[in-house]
Amino acid sequence: MDYSYPDIAKMIDHSLLNPTLTRDDLDQGIQLALAYNVASVCILPYYLKRCAESLAGSSVKASTTIGFPHGGHTTAVKVAEARRALADGGEELDMVVNISKVLSGDWDYVRGDLGAVIEAAHEAGKKVKVIFENCYLKDDQKIRLCEICGDLNADWVKTSTGYGSGGATLEDLQLMRKHAPAHVQVKAAGGVRDLDMLLRVREIGVTRVGATRTAAMLDECRRRLGLAVIQAAPAVVPGY
């Protein structure tokens, strides 16, 4: 096999964004992410500080969302959210574009909106993933967003929130990898539910996936590699 366990585990942002998750669910999800040593925990913003404290000293990063899930917040509110998240220990911010402005063709607004949050994060030495919500967009709009994100030095372009009418597709991921500059990574969200799909998107050049089925995917990875399965619960949380 052309991968190791860390290669796969460090592709996963363990998603804890479903609004019905309780504090116990969130704490269990954080512990699951630690047990499997994933890339990050993307958690409801109100619980980010607790998450960052729980992850301190580990290689698992604390992350949260900005302008989630519809992207319609004003730029000032998105920047305020970003600064609050950074103060709470957030290391990676998953920001939703203003979908309405993209569909309206107001590219100057879109550039300014993205740039303000990216600048705030980069000034703090942290990273931003820009969520397109591709299910609502045409290919030329996705391509334009990839180009803008390249100009602004976004760290990732991301397919979806996982809460739109559709999630990541192989076609969209190929399009994004083709049109995003090499310094911009690609993240898939919504639809990567098993190890085989994760390996397929990895072949395209995807470096991160948002997932709630983390335990099932990584247990299968460990089985294929001949490693002991990790004992952690819950195996699945609501979402993606």
C-alpha atoms as a PDB file:
ATOM      1  CA  MET A   1       0.000   0.000   0.000  1.00  0.00           C
ATOM      2  CA  ASP A   2       1.243   3.486  -0.769  1.00  0.00           C
ATOM      3  CA  TYR A   3       0.099   5.018   2.514  1.00  0.00           C
ATOM      4  CA  SER A   4       0.662   4.752   6.241  1.00  0.00           C
ATOM      5  CA  TYR A   5      -1.851   5.194   9.026  1.00  0.00           C
ATOM      6  CA  PRO A   6      -0.695   8.770   9.775  1.00  0.00           C
ATOM      7  CA  ASP A   7      -1.004   9.634   6.065  1.00  0.00           C
ATOM      8  CA  ILE A   8      -4.716   8.835   6.226  1.00  0.00           C
ATOM      9  CA  ALA A   9      -5.517   9.983   9.765  1.00  0.00           C
ATOM     10  CA  LYS A  10      -3.979  13.387   9.110  1.00  0.00           C
ATOM     11  CA  MET A  11      -6.330  13.896   6.179  1.00  0.00           C
ATOM     12  CA  ILE A  12      -9.380  13.939   8.445  1.00  0.00           C
ATOM     13  CA  ASP A  13     -11.057  16.940  10.039  1.00  0.00           C
ATOM     14  CA  HIS A  14     -13.399  15.266  12.523  1.00  0.00           C
ATOM     15  CA  SER A  15     -16.647  17.216  12.184  1.00  0.00           C
ATOM     16  CA  LEU A  16     -18.689  18.124  15.270  1.00  0.00           C
ATOM     17  CA  LEU A  17     -21.037  20.677  13.721  1.00  0.00           C
ATOM     18  CA  ASN A  18     -24.480  19.142  13.972  1.00  0.00           C
ATOM     19  CA  PRO A  19     -26.574  21.561  16.076  1.00  0.00           C
ATOM     20  CA  THR A  20     -28.151  18.723  18.074  1.00  0.00           C
ATOM     21  CA  LEU A  21     -24.852  17.532  19.563  1.00  0.00           C
ATOM     22  CA  THR A  22     -24.802  17.843  23.354  1.00  0.00           C
ATOM     23  CA  ARG A  23     -21.811  18.762  25.512  1.00  0.00           C
ATOM     24  CA  ASP A  24     -21.241  15.070  26.186  1.00  0.00           C
ATOM     25  CA  ASP A  25     -21.351  14.354  22.439  1.00  0.00           C
ATOM     26  CA  LEU A  26     -18.820  17.097  21.797  1.00  0.00           C
ATOM     27  CA  ASP A  27     -16.477  15.908  24.539  1.00  0.00           C
ATOM     28  CA  GLN A  28     -16.698  12.317  23.290  1.00  0.00           C
ATOM     29  CA  GLY A  29     -15.999  13.516  19.756  1.00  0.00           C
ATOM     30  CA  ILE A  30     -12.906  15.374  20.885  1.00  0.00           C
ATOM     31  CA  GLN A  31     -11.632  12.288  22.694  1.00  0.00           C
ATOM     32  CA  LEU A  32     -12.308  10.163  19.608  1.00  0.00           C
ATOM     33  CA  ALA A  33     -10.272  12.587  17.498  1.00  0.00           C
ATOM     34  CA  LEU A  34      -7.415  12.378  19.981  1.00  0.00           C
ATOM     35  CA  ALA A  35      -7.538   8.584  20.072  1.00  0.00           C
ATOM     36  CA  TYR A  36      -7.336   8.366  16.273  1.00  0.00           C
ATOM     37  CA  ASN A  37      -4.836  11.259  16.009  1.00  0.00           C
ATOM     38  CA  VAL A  38      -6.654  13.013  13.164  1.00  0.00           C
ATOM     39  CA  ALA A  39      -5.713  16.357  11.625  1.00  0.00           C
ATOM     40  CA  SER A  40      -8.262  18.507  13.416  1.00  0.00           C
ATOM     41  CA  VAL A  41     -11.577  18.744  15.203  1.00  0.00           C
ATOM     42  CA  CYS A  42     -13.972  21.158  13.471  1.00  0.00           C
ATOM     43  CA  ILE A  43     -16.393  22.030  16.236  1.00  0.00           C
ATOM     44  CA  LEU A  44     -19.369  24.277  16.968  1.00  0.00           C
ATOM     45  CA  PRO A  45     -17.928  27.761  17.642  1.00  0.00           C
ATOM     46  CA  TYR A  46     -19.248  28.065  21.181  1.00  0.00           C
ATOM     47  CA  TYR A  47     -17.263  24.988  22.219  1.00  0.00           C
ATOM     48  CA  LEU A  48     -14.001  25.881  20.473  1.00  0.00           C
ATOM     49  CA  LYS A  49     -12.208  27.143  23.574  1.00  0.00           C
ATOM     50  CA  ARG A  50     -12.993  23.933  25.462  1.00  0.00           C
ATOM     51  CA  CYS A  51     -11.902  21.948  22.408  1.00  0.00           C
ATOM     52  CA  ALA A  52      -8.580  23.783  22.131  1.00  0.00           C
ATOM     53  CA  GLU A  53      -7.917  23.206  25.829  1.00  0.00           C
ATOM     54  CA  SER A  54      -8.645  19.486  25.433  1.00  0.00           C
ATOM     55  CA  LEU A  55      -6.351  19.192  22.405  1.00  0.00           C
ATOM     56  CA  ALA A  56      -3.458  21.137  23.953  1.00  0.00           C
ATOM     57  CA  GLY A  57      -0.197  19.217  23.738  1.00  0.00           C
ATOM     58  CA  SER A  58      -1.437  16.961  20.935  1.00  0.00           C
ATOM     59  CA  SER A  59      -0.921  17.179  17.166  1.00  0.00           C
ATOM     60  CA  VAL A  60      -4.688  17.471  16.604  1.00  0.00           C
ATOM     61  CA  LYS A  61      -5.677  21.037  15.742  1.00  0.00           C
ATOM     62  CA  ALA A  62      -8.746  22.906  16.951  1.00  0.00           C
ATOM     63  CA  SER A  63     -10.861  24.374  14.174  1.00  0.00           C
ATOM     64  CA  THR A  64     -14.266  25.944  13.704  1.00  0.00           C
ATOM     65  CA  THR A  65     -16.535  27.619  11.165  1.00  0.00           C
ATOM     66  CA  ILE A  66     -17.005  31.212  10.037  1.00  0.00           C
ATOM     67  CA  GLY A  67     -20.191  32.453   8.360  1.00  0.00           C
ATOM     68  CA  PHE A  68     -21.609  28.948   8.648  1.00  0.00           C
ATOM     69  CA  PRO A  69     -23.591  27.449   7.016  1.00  0.00           C
ATOM     70  CA  HIS A  70     -24.957  29.925   4.460  1.00  0.00           C
ATOM     71  CA  GLY A  71     -22.205  32.547   4.147  1.00  0.00           C
ATOM     72  CA  GLY A  72     -24.624  35.462   4.290  1.00  0.00           C
ATOM     73  CA  HIS A  73     -23.121  37.196   7.331  1.00  0.00           C
ATOM     74  CA  THR A  74     -21.665  40.647   6.737  1.00  0.00           C
ATOM     75  CA  THR A  75     -17.908  40.821   6.336  1.00  0.00           C
ATOM     76  CA  ALA A  76     -17.592  42.641   9.659  1.00  0.00           C
ATOM     77  CA  VAL A  77     -19.411  39.820  11.442  1.00  0.00           C
ATOM     78  CA  LYS A  78     -17.237  37.190   9.749  1.00  0.00           C
ATOM     79  CA  VAL A  79     -14.093  39.028  10.826  1.00  0.00           C
ATOM     80  CA  ALA A  80     -15.449  39.312  14.372  1.00  0.00           C
ATOM     81  CA  GLU A  81     -16.185  35.564  14.349  1.00  0.00           C
ATOM     82  CA  ALA A  82     -12.667  34.877  13.097  1.00  0.00           C
ATOM     83  CA  ARG A  83     -11.042  37.012  15.780  1.00  0.00           C
ATOM     84  CA  ARG A  84     -13.145  35.367  18.492  1.00  0.00           C
ATOM     85  CA  ALA A  85     -12.191  31.936  17.172  1.00  0.00           C
ATOM     86  CA  LEU A  86      -8.502  32.834  17.094  1.00  0.00           C
ATOM     87  CA  ALA A  87      -8.716  34.145  20.659  1.00  0.00           C
ATOM     88  CA  ASP A  88     -10.377  30.880  21.692  1.00  0.00           C
ATOM     89  CA  GLY A  89      -7.486  28.829  20.319  1.00  0.00           C
ATOM     90  CA  GLY A  90      -8.680  28.098  16.790  1.00  0.00           C
ATOM     91  CA  GLU A  91      -5.878  27.116  14.435  1.00  0.00           C
ATOM     92  CA  GLU A  92      -7.886  26.582  11.248  1.00  0.00           C
ATOM     93  CA  LEU A  93     -11.035  28.435  10.187  1.00  0.00           C
ATOM     94  CA  ASP A  94     -13.552  27.010   7.698  1.00  0.00           C
ATOM     95  CA  MET A  95     -15.234  30.049   6.123  1.00  0.00           C
ATOM     96  CA  VAL A  96     -18.284  30.007   3.847  1.00  0.00           C
ATOM     97  CA  VAL A  97     -18.265  32.345   0.849  1.00  0.00           C
ATOM     98  CA  ASN A  98     -21.170  34.729   0.446  1.00  0.00           C
ATOM     99  CA  ILE A  99     -23.109  32.426  -1.870  1.00  0.00           C
ATOM    100  CA  SER A 100     -25.593  35.156  -2.826  1.00  0.00           C
ATOM    101  CA  LYS A 101     -22.777  37.461  -3.935  1.00  0.00           C
ATOM    102  CA  VAL A 102     -21.122  34.679  -5.933  1.00  0.00           C
ATOM    103  CA  LEU A 103     -24.374  33.930  -7.739  1.00  0.00           C
ATOM    104  CA  SER A 104     -24.862  37.668  -8.328  1.00  0.00           C
ATOM    105  CA  GLY A 105     -21.413  37.967  -9.902  1.00  0.00           C
ATOM    106  CA  ASP A 106     -20.258  40.587  -7.379  1.00  0.00           C
ATOM    107  CA  TRP A 107     -16.673  39.411  -7.427  1.00  0.00           C
ATOM    108  CA  ASP A 108     -15.198  42.526  -5.818  1.00  0.00           C
ATOM    109  CA  TYR A 109     -17.386  41.918  -2.775  1.00  0.00           C
ATOM    110  CA  VAL A 110     -16.464  38.228  -2.703  1.00  0.00           C
ATOM    111  CA  ARG A 111     -12.753  39.058  -2.883  1.00  0.00           C
ATOM    112  CA  GLY A 112     -13.033  41.606  -0.085  1.00  0.00           C
ATOM    113  CA  ASP A 113     -15.106  39.289   2.099  1.00  0.00           C
ATOM    114  CA  LEU A 114     -12.647  36.415   1.778  1.00  0.00           C
ATOM    115  CA  GLY A 115      -9.602  38.638   2.017  1.00  0.00           C
ATOM    116  CA  ALA A 116     -10.674  40.207   5.299  1.00  0.00           C
ATOM    117  CA  VAL A 117     -10.956  36.852   7.079  1.00  0.00           C
ATOM    118  CA  ILE A 118      -7.845  35.385   5.464  1.00  0.00           C
ATOM    119  CA  GLU A 119      -5.853  38.456   6.482  1.00  0.00           C
ATOM    120  CA  ALA A 120      -7.041  38.241  10.098  1.00  0.00           C
ATOM    121  CA  ALA A 121      -6.134  34.557  10.303  1.00  0.00           C
ATOM    122  CA  HIS A 122      -2.772  34.879   8.579  1.00  0.00           C
ATOM    123  CA  GLU A 123      -1.783  37.803  10.778  1.00  0.00           C
ATOM    124  CA  ALA A 124      -2.240  35.404  13.710  1.00  0.00           C
ATOM    125  CA  GLY A 125      -0.270  32.663  11.951  1.00  0.00           C
ATOM    126  CA  LYS A 126      -3.379  30.506  11.411  1.00  0.00           C
ATOM    127  CA  LYS A 127      -5.061  29.027   8.341  1.00  0.00           C
ATOM    128  CA  VAL A 128      -8.314  29.377   6.385  1.00  0.00           C
ATOM    129  CA  LYS A 129     -10.347  26.903   4.348  1.00  0.00           C
ATOM    130  CA  VAL A 130     -12.778  28.613   1.958  1.00  0.00           C
ATOM    131  CA  ILE A 131     -16.067  26.740   1.537  1.00  0.00           C
ATOM    132  CA  PHE A 132     -17.708  27.162  -1.886  1.00  0.00           C
ATOM    133  CA  GLU A 133     -20.950  25.131  -1.445  1.00  0.00           C
ATOM    134  CA  ASN A 134     -20.579  23.757  -4.962  1.00  0.00           C
ATOM    135  CA  CYS A 135     -24.082  22.282  -5.147  1.00  0.00           C
ATOM    136  CA  TYR A 136     -25.392  25.799  -5.810  1.00  0.00           C
ATOM    137  CA  LEU A 137     -22.682  26.931  -8.253  1.00  0.00           C
ATOM    138  CA  LYS A 138     -21.781  26.556 -11.914  1.00  0.00           C
ATOM    139  CA  ASP A 139     -18.332  25.415 -12.989  1.00  0.00           C
ATOM    140  CA  ASP A 140     -17.254  28.893 -14.112  1.00  0.00           C
ATOM    141  CA  GLN A 141     -18.122  30.238 -10.655  1.00  0.00           C
ATOM    142  CA  LYS A 142     -16.129  27.478  -8.964  1.00  0.00           C
ATOM    143  CA  ILE A 143     -13.172  28.228 -11.212  1.00  0.00           C
ATOM    144  CA  ARG A 144     -13.366  31.960 -10.468  1.00  0.00           C
ATOM    145  CA  LEU A 145     -13.421  31.215  -6.746  1.00  0.00           C
ATOM    146  CA  CYS A 146     -10.346  28.989  -7.096  1.00  0.00           C
ATOM    147  CA  GLU A 147      -8.531  31.836  -8.844  1.00  0.00           C
ATOM    148  CA  ILE A 148      -9.522  34.393  -6.197  1.00  0.00           C
ATOM    149  CA  CYS A 149      -8.486  32.044  -3.392  1.00  0.00           C
ATOM    150  CA  GLY A 150      -5.133  31.615  -5.107  1.00  0.00           C
ATOM    151  CA  ASP A 151      -4.659  35.385  -5.337  1.00  0.00           C
ATOM    152  CA  LEU A 152      -5.532  35.775  -1.641  1.00  0.00           C
ATOM    153  CA  ASN A 153      -3.335  32.851  -0.543  1.00  0.00           C
ATOM    154  CA  ALA A 154      -6.158  30.897   1.046  1.00  0.00           C
ATOM    155  CA  ASP A 155      -4.832  27.686   2.546  1.00  0.00           C
ATOM    156  CA  TRP A 156      -7.586  25.383   1.238  1.00  0.00           C
ATOM    157  CA  VAL A 157     -10.547  25.494  -1.085  1.00  0.00           C
ATOM    158  CA  LYS A 158     -13.368  23.304   0.181  1.00  0.00           C
ATOM    159  CA  THR A 159     -16.316  21.809  -1.668  1.00  0.00           C
ATOM    160  CA  SER A 160     -19.186  22.116   0.765  1.00  0.00           C
ATOM    161  CA  THR A 161     -20.518  22.669   4.258  1.00  0.00           C
ATOM    162  CA  GLY A 162     -22.071  19.206   4.393  1.00  0.00           C
ATOM    163  CA  TYR A 163     -25.423  20.881   5.002  1.00  0.00           C
ATOM    164  CA  GLY A 164     -26.327  22.030   1.484  1.00  0.00           C
ATOM    165  CA  SER A 165     -28.280  20.041  -1.097  1.00  0.00           C
ATOM    166  CA  GLY A 166     -25.166  18.077  -2.087  1.00  0.00           C
ATOM    167  CA  GLY A 167     -21.615  17.390  -1.010  1.00  0.00           C
ATOM    168  CA  ALA A 168     -18.251  16.647  -2.566  1.00  0.00           C
ATOM    169  CA  THR A 169     -18.126  14.998  -5.979  1.00  0.00           C
ATOM    170  CA  LEU A 170     -15.105  13.598  -7.767  1.00  0.00           C
ATOM    171  CA  GLU A 171     -15.790  15.933 -10.692  1.00  0.00           C
ATOM    172  CA  ASP A 172     -15.771  19.017  -8.472  1.00  0.00           C
ATOM    173  CA  LEU A 173     -12.616  17.914  -6.711  1.00  0.00           C
ATOM    174  CA  GLN A 174     -10.841  17.384 -10.017  1.00  0.00           C
ATOM    175  CA  LEU A 175     -12.014  20.818 -11.193  1.00  0.00           C
ATOM    176  CA  MET A 176     -10.833  22.511  -8.008  1.00  0.00           C
ATOM    177  CA  ARG A 177      -7.460  20.791  -8.018  1.00  0.00           C
ATOM    178  CA  LYS A 178      -6.972  21.774 -11.660  1.00  0.00           C
ATOM    179  CA  HIS A 179      -7.836  25.434 -11.197  1.00  0.00           C
ATOM    180  CA  ALA A 180      -6.514  26.163  -7.694  1.00  0.00           C
ATOM    181  CA  PRO A 181      -2.807  27.097  -7.642  1.00  0.00           C
ATOM    182  CA  ALA A 182      -0.388  24.539  -6.225  1.00  0.00           C
ATOM    183  CA  HIS A 183      -0.035  26.485  -2.965  1.00  0.00           C
ATOM    184  CA  VAL A 184      -3.779  26.123  -2.268  1.00  0.00           C
ATOM    185  CA  GLN A 185      -4.854  22.726  -0.949  1.00  0.00           C
ATOM    186  CA  VAL A 186      -8.232  21.063  -1.582  1.00  0.00           C
ATOM    187  CA  LYS A 187     -10.661  19.775   1.053  1.00  0.00           C
ATOM    188  CA  ALA A 188     -13.661  17.511   0.410  1.00  0.00           C
ATOM    189  CA  ALA A 189     -16.706  17.696   2.670  1.00  0.00           C
ATOM    190  CA  GLY A 190     -19.986  15.839   2.523  1.00  0.00           C
ATOM    191  CA  GLY A 191     -19.892  12.463   0.818  1.00  0.00           C
ATOM    192  CA  VAL A 192     -16.606  10.917   1.962  1.00  0.00           C
ATOM    193  CA  ARG A 193     -18.104   8.147   4.072  1.00  0.00           C
ATOM    194  CA  ASP A 194     -15.718   5.213   3.693  1.00  0.00           C
ATOM    195  CA  LEU A 195     -12.034   4.492   3.250  1.00  0.00           C
ATOM    196  CA  ASP A 196     -12.301   3.634  -0.437  1.00  0.00           C
ATOM    197  CA  MET A 197     -13.795   7.049  -1.216  1.00  0.00           C
ATOM    198  CA  LEU A 198     -11.164   8.748   0.911  1.00  0.00           C
ATOM    199  CA  LEU A 199      -8.435   6.966  -1.047  1.00  0.00           C
ATOM    200  CA  ARG A 200     -10.057   8.004  -4.336  1.00  0.00           C
ATOM    201  CA  VAL A 201     -10.081  11.675  -3.400  1.00  0.00           C
ATOM    202  CA  ARG A 202      -6.506  11.354  -2.150  1.00  0.00           C
ATOM    203  CA  GLU A 203      -5.484  10.236  -5.637  1.00  0.00           C
ATOM    204  CA  ILE A 204      -6.978  13.456  -7.042  1.00  0.00           C
ATOM    205  CA  GLY A 205      -4.797  15.501  -4.704  1.00  0.00           C
ATOM    206  CA  VAL A 206      -7.219  16.182  -1.849  1.00  0.00           C
ATOM    207  CA  THR A 207      -5.334  16.682   1.426  1.00  0.00           C
ATOM    208  CA  ARG A 208      -8.240  17.029   3.867  1.00  0.00           C
ATOM    209  CA  VAL A 209     -11.745  15.627   4.224  1.00  0.00           C
ATOM    210  CA  GLY A 210     -14.496  16.611   6.620  1.00  0.00           C
ATOM    211  CA  ALA A 211     -15.932  13.488   8.207  1.00  0.00           C
ATOM    212  CA  THR A 212     -18.179  12.205  10.948  1.00  0.00           C
ATOM    213  CA  ARG A 213     -17.520   8.535  10.131  1.00  0.00           C
ATOM    214  CA  THR A 214     -13.952   8.934  11.295  1.00  0.00           C
ATOM    215  CA  ALA A 215     -13.766   5.831  13.459  1.00  0.00           C
ATOM    216  CA  ALA A 216     -15.183   3.514  10.790  1.00  0.00           C
ATOM    217  CA  MET A 217     -12.812   4.812   8.113  1.00  0.00           C
ATOM    218  CA  LEU A 218      -9.729   4.689  10.292  1.00  0.00           C
ATOM    219  CA  ASP A 219     -10.592   1.293  11.777  1.00  0.00           C
ATOM    220  CA  GLU A 220     -10.750  -0.040   8.213  1.00  0.00           C
ATOM    221  CA  CYS A 221      -7.458   1.663   7.408  1.00  0.00           C
ATOM    222  CA  ARG A 222      -5.809   0.014  10.389  1.00  0.00           C
ATOM    223  CA  ARG A 223      -7.257  -3.390   9.452  1.00  0.00           C
ATOM    224  CA  ARG A 224      -5.866  -3.127   5.931  1.00  0.00           C
ATOM    225  CA  LEU A 225      -2.475  -2.146   7.301  1.00  0.00           C
ATOM    226  CA  GLY A 226      -2.494  -4.998   9.810  1.00  0.00           C
ATOM    227  CA  LEU A 227      -2.685  -2.697  12.821  1.00  0.00           C
ATOM    228  CA  ALA A 228      -4.776  -3.138  15.960  1.00  0.00           C
ATOM    229  CA  VAL A 229      -8.141  -1.373  15.914  1.00  0.00           C
ATOM    230  CA  ILE A 230      -8.416   1.547  18.317  1.00  0.00           C
ATOM    231  CA  GLN A 231     -11.067   1.300  21.003  1.00  0.00           C
ATOM    232  CA  ALA A 232     -12.941   4.584  21.017  1.00  0.00           C
ATOM    233  CA  ALA A 233     -16.595   5.658  21.012  1.00  0.00           C
ATOM    234  CA  PRO A 234     -18.887   6.841  19.572  1.00  0.00           C
ATOM    235  CA  ALA A 235     -18.152   5.402  16.129  1.00  0.00           C
ATOM    236  CA  VAL A 236     -20.539   7.769  14.331  1.00  0.00           C
ATOM    237  CA  VAL A 237     -21.963  11.181  15.208  1.00  0.00           C
ATOM    238  CA  PRO A 238     -24.772  12.919  13.304  1.00  0.00           C
ATOM    239  CA  GLY A 239     -23.696  14.963  10.280  1.00  0.00           C
ATOM    240  CA  TYR A 240     -22.141  14.633   6.835  1.00  0.00           C
END
